[in-house]
Amino acid sequence: MEWGLMWFDDTVGRPLEAKVSRAAMHYHRKFGQPPTLCFVHPAAKNGTDQVEGVQVETLKTIGPNCLWIGVGEASRQQKRSAGGTSPSGGRKRRKVEHPLQGEDQA
């Protein structure tokens, strides 16, 4: 996953499944497509591998009570090959060149 939504939920007693579900709903509302991947702190994972179609994996650099949720690379590749749009609304990134690049600078 190249980028995603960082979600913080320190609600005591709320299970990981509920936290992932809430983050997924917010992601879907914000970006117009459902997420497929969520990274959590290793101590947060309680044996849950998937929540409502979102794969849950651990990452040491994710802080406690934080979730990094977005679309995994495999899902992005499938959407591109099927003609779907990205969360950026189908906008393509383009390389911006410096105005003086390639000119003879004497």
C-alpha atoms as a PDB file:
ATOM      1  CA  MET A   1       0.000   0.000   0.000  1.00  0.00           C
ATOM      2  CA  GLU A   2       1.553   3.294  -1.079  1.00  0.00           C
ATOM      3  CA  TRP A   3      -0.793   5.581   0.829  1.00  0.00           C
ATOM      4  CA  GLY A   4      -3.892   5.328   2.949  1.00  0.00           C
ATOM      5  CA  LEU A   5      -5.851   6.863   5.774  1.00  0.00           C
ATOM      6  CA  MET A   6      -4.355   6.936   9.274  1.00  0.00           C
ATOM      7  CA  TRP A   7      -7.113   6.279  11.807  1.00  0.00           C
ATOM      8  CA  PHE A   8      -6.803   6.714  15.577  1.00  0.00           C
ATOM      9  CA  ASP A   9      -9.173   4.950  17.980  1.00  0.00           C
ATOM     10  CA  ASP A  10      -8.220   4.586  21.629  1.00  0.00           C
ATOM     11  CA  THR A  11     -11.698   3.635  22.826  1.00  0.00           C
ATOM     12  CA  VAL A  12     -11.231   1.229  25.734  1.00  0.00           C
ATOM     13  CA  GLY A  13     -13.200  -1.971  25.310  1.00  0.00           C
ATOM     14  CA  ARG A  14     -13.880  -1.551  21.583  1.00  0.00           C
ATOM     15  CA  PRO A  15     -12.668  -4.688  19.789  1.00  0.00           C
ATOM     16  CA  LEU A  16     -10.281  -4.474  16.849  1.00  0.00           C
ATOM     17  CA  GLU A  17     -13.025  -5.674  14.487  1.00  0.00           C
ATOM     18  CA  ALA A  18     -15.200  -2.672  15.388  1.00  0.00           C
ATOM     19  CA  LYS A  19     -12.284  -0.255  15.001  1.00  0.00           C
ATOM     20  CA  VAL A  20     -11.441  -1.611  11.541  1.00  0.00           C
ATOM     21  CA  SER A  21     -15.117  -1.514  10.553  1.00  0.00           C
ATOM     22  CA  ARG A  22     -15.476   2.149  11.590  1.00  0.00           C
ATOM     23  CA  ALA A  23     -12.260   3.123   9.809  1.00  0.00           C
ATOM     24  CA  ALA A  24     -13.388   1.246   6.672  1.00  0.00           C
ATOM     25  CA  MET A  25     -16.746   3.053   6.626  1.00  0.00           C
ATOM     26  CA  HIS A  26     -15.007   6.423   6.907  1.00  0.00           C
ATOM     27  CA  TYR A  27     -12.498   5.512   4.185  1.00  0.00           C
ATOM     28  CA  HIS A  28     -15.315   4.427   1.848  1.00  0.00           C
ATOM     29  CA  ARG A  29     -17.245   7.675   2.434  1.00  0.00           C
ATOM     30  CA  LYS A  30     -14.148   9.811   1.945  1.00  0.00           C
ATOM     31  CA  PHE A  31     -12.626   8.116  -1.115  1.00  0.00           C
ATOM     32  CA  GLY A  32     -15.637   6.481  -2.786  1.00  0.00           C
ATOM     33  CA  GLN A  33     -14.316   2.935  -2.722  1.00  0.00           C
ATOM     34  CA  PRO A  34     -13.954   0.307  -0.027  1.00  0.00           C
ATOM     35  CA  PRO A  35     -10.534  -0.373   1.475  1.00  0.00           C
ATOM     36  CA  THR A  36      -8.928  -3.793   1.155  1.00  0.00           C
ATOM     37  CA  LEU A  37      -5.986  -3.613   3.562  1.00  0.00           C
ATOM     38  CA  CYS A  38      -5.440  -2.383   7.102  1.00  0.00           C
ATOM     39  CA  PHE A  39      -2.171  -2.309   9.047  1.00  0.00           C
ATOM     40  CA  VAL A  40      -2.250  -2.330  12.859  1.00  0.00           C
ATOM     41  CA  HIS A  41       0.318  -2.450  15.662  1.00  0.00           C
ATOM     42  CA  PRO A  42       1.405  -6.057  16.344  1.00  0.00           C
ATOM     43  CA  ALA A  43       0.048  -5.914  19.908  1.00  0.00           C
ATOM     44  CA  ALA A  44      -3.405  -4.942  18.603  1.00  0.00           C
ATOM     45  CA  LYS A  45      -3.920  -7.972  16.382  1.00  0.00           C
ATOM     46  CA  ASN A  46      -5.970 -10.516  18.263  1.00  0.00           C
ATOM     47  CA  GLY A  47      -5.992 -13.284  15.671  1.00  0.00           C
ATOM     48  CA  THR A  48      -8.273 -11.330  13.355  1.00  0.00           C
ATOM     49  CA  ASP A  49      -7.155 -11.748   9.743  1.00  0.00           C
ATOM     50  CA  GLN A  50     -10.066 -10.114   7.937  1.00  0.00           C
ATOM     51  CA  VAL A  51     -12.930  -7.751   8.778  1.00  0.00           C
ATOM     52  CA  GLU A  52     -15.712  -7.162   6.256  1.00  0.00           C
ATOM     53  CA  GLY A  53     -13.428  -7.797   3.290  1.00  0.00           C
ATOM     54  CA  VAL A  54     -10.486  -5.823   4.709  1.00  0.00           C
ATOM     55  CA  GLN A  55      -7.284  -7.835   5.206  1.00  0.00           C
ATOM     56  CA  VAL A  56      -5.736  -7.054   8.627  1.00  0.00           C
ATOM     57  CA  GLU A  57      -1.939  -7.213   8.871  1.00  0.00           C
ATOM     58  CA  THR A  58       0.651  -5.985  11.356  1.00  0.00           C
ATOM     59  CA  LEU A  59       3.338  -3.385  10.921  1.00  0.00           C
ATOM     60  CA  LYS A  60       5.818  -2.467  13.670  1.00  0.00           C
ATOM     61  CA  THR A  61       5.865   1.203  12.687  1.00  0.00           C
ATOM     62  CA  ILE A  62       2.127   1.682  13.321  1.00  0.00           C
ATOM     63  CA  GLY A  63       1.530   3.147  16.753  1.00  0.00           C
ATOM     64  CA  PRO A  64      -0.773   1.621  19.351  1.00  0.00           C
ATOM     65  CA  ASN A  65      -4.433   2.538  18.777  1.00  0.00           C
ATOM     66  CA  CYS A  66      -3.648   3.500  15.171  1.00  0.00           C
ATOM     67  CA  LEU A  67      -4.800   1.859  11.950  1.00  0.00           C
ATOM     68  CA  TRP A  68      -3.450   2.555   8.472  1.00  0.00           C
ATOM     69  CA  ILE A  69      -6.229   1.646   6.068  1.00  0.00           C
ATOM     70  CA  GLY A  70      -6.365   1.778   2.290  1.00  0.00           C
ATOM     71  CA  VAL A  71      -6.290  -0.259  -0.901  1.00  0.00           C
ATOM     72  CA  GLY A  72      -3.635  -2.948  -1.249  1.00  0.00           C
ATOM     73  CA  GLU A  73      -1.460  -3.107  -4.360  1.00  0.00           C
ATOM     74  CA  ALA A  74      -3.139  -6.247  -5.754  1.00  0.00           C
ATOM     75  CA  SER A  75      -6.560  -4.581  -5.596  1.00  0.00           C
ATOM     76  CA  ARG A  76      -5.242  -1.411  -7.217  1.00  0.00           C
ATOM     77  CA  GLN A  77      -3.721  -3.404 -10.085  1.00  0.00           C
ATOM     78  CA  GLN A  78      -7.009  -5.292 -10.629  1.00  0.00           C
ATOM     79  CA  LYS A  79      -9.002  -2.051 -10.761  1.00  0.00           C
ATOM     80  CA  ARG A  80      -6.550  -0.476 -13.215  1.00  0.00           C
ATOM     81  CA  SER A  81      -6.698  -3.463 -15.559  1.00  0.00           C
ATOM     82  CA  ALA A  82     -10.508  -3.481 -15.343  1.00  0.00           C
ATOM     83  CA  GLY A  83     -10.677   0.241 -16.166  1.00  0.00           C
ATOM     84  CA  GLY A  84     -11.631   1.354 -12.660  1.00  0.00           C
ATOM     85  CA  THR A  85     -10.572   4.600 -11.064  1.00  0.00           C
ATOM     86  CA  SER A  86      -8.209   5.217  -8.216  1.00  0.00           C
ATOM     87  CA  PRO A  87      -9.136   7.000  -4.960  1.00  0.00           C
ATOM     88  CA  SER A  88      -7.788  10.159  -6.589  1.00  0.00           C
ATOM     89  CA  GLY A  89     -10.876  10.204  -8.801  1.00  0.00           C
ATOM     90  CA  GLY A  90      -9.121   8.913 -11.888  1.00  0.00           C
ATOM     91  CA  ARG A  91      -6.660  11.784 -12.027  1.00  0.00           C
ATOM     92  CA  LYS A  92      -3.328  10.731 -13.410  1.00  0.00           C
ATOM     93  CA  ARG A  93      -0.057  11.839 -11.936  1.00  0.00           C
ATOM     94  CA  ARG A  94       2.197  13.619 -14.334  1.00  0.00           C
ATOM     95  CA  LYS A  95       5.815  14.535 -14.189  1.00  0.00           C
ATOM     96  CA  VAL A  96       6.369  18.253 -13.851  1.00  0.00           C
ATOM     97  CA  GLU A  97       9.588  19.458 -15.342  1.00  0.00           C
ATOM     98  CA  HIS A  98      11.523  22.465 -14.168  1.00  0.00           C
ATOM     99  CA  PRO A  99      11.107  25.368 -16.657  1.00  0.00           C
ATOM    100  CA  LEU A 100      14.884  25.687 -17.140  1.00  0.00           C
ATOM    101  CA  GLN A 101      15.508  21.973 -17.428  1.00  0.00           C
ATOM    102  CA  GLY A 102      17.104  21.052 -20.744  1.00  0.00           C
ATOM    103  CA  GLU A 103      17.983  24.641 -21.668  1.00  0.00           C
ATOM    104  CA  ASP A 104      21.568  25.673 -22.148  1.00  0.00           C
ATOM    105  CA  GLN A 105      22.554  27.527 -18.992  1.00  0.00           C
ATOM    106  CA  ALA A 106      25.577  29.632 -19.921  1.00  0.00           C
END
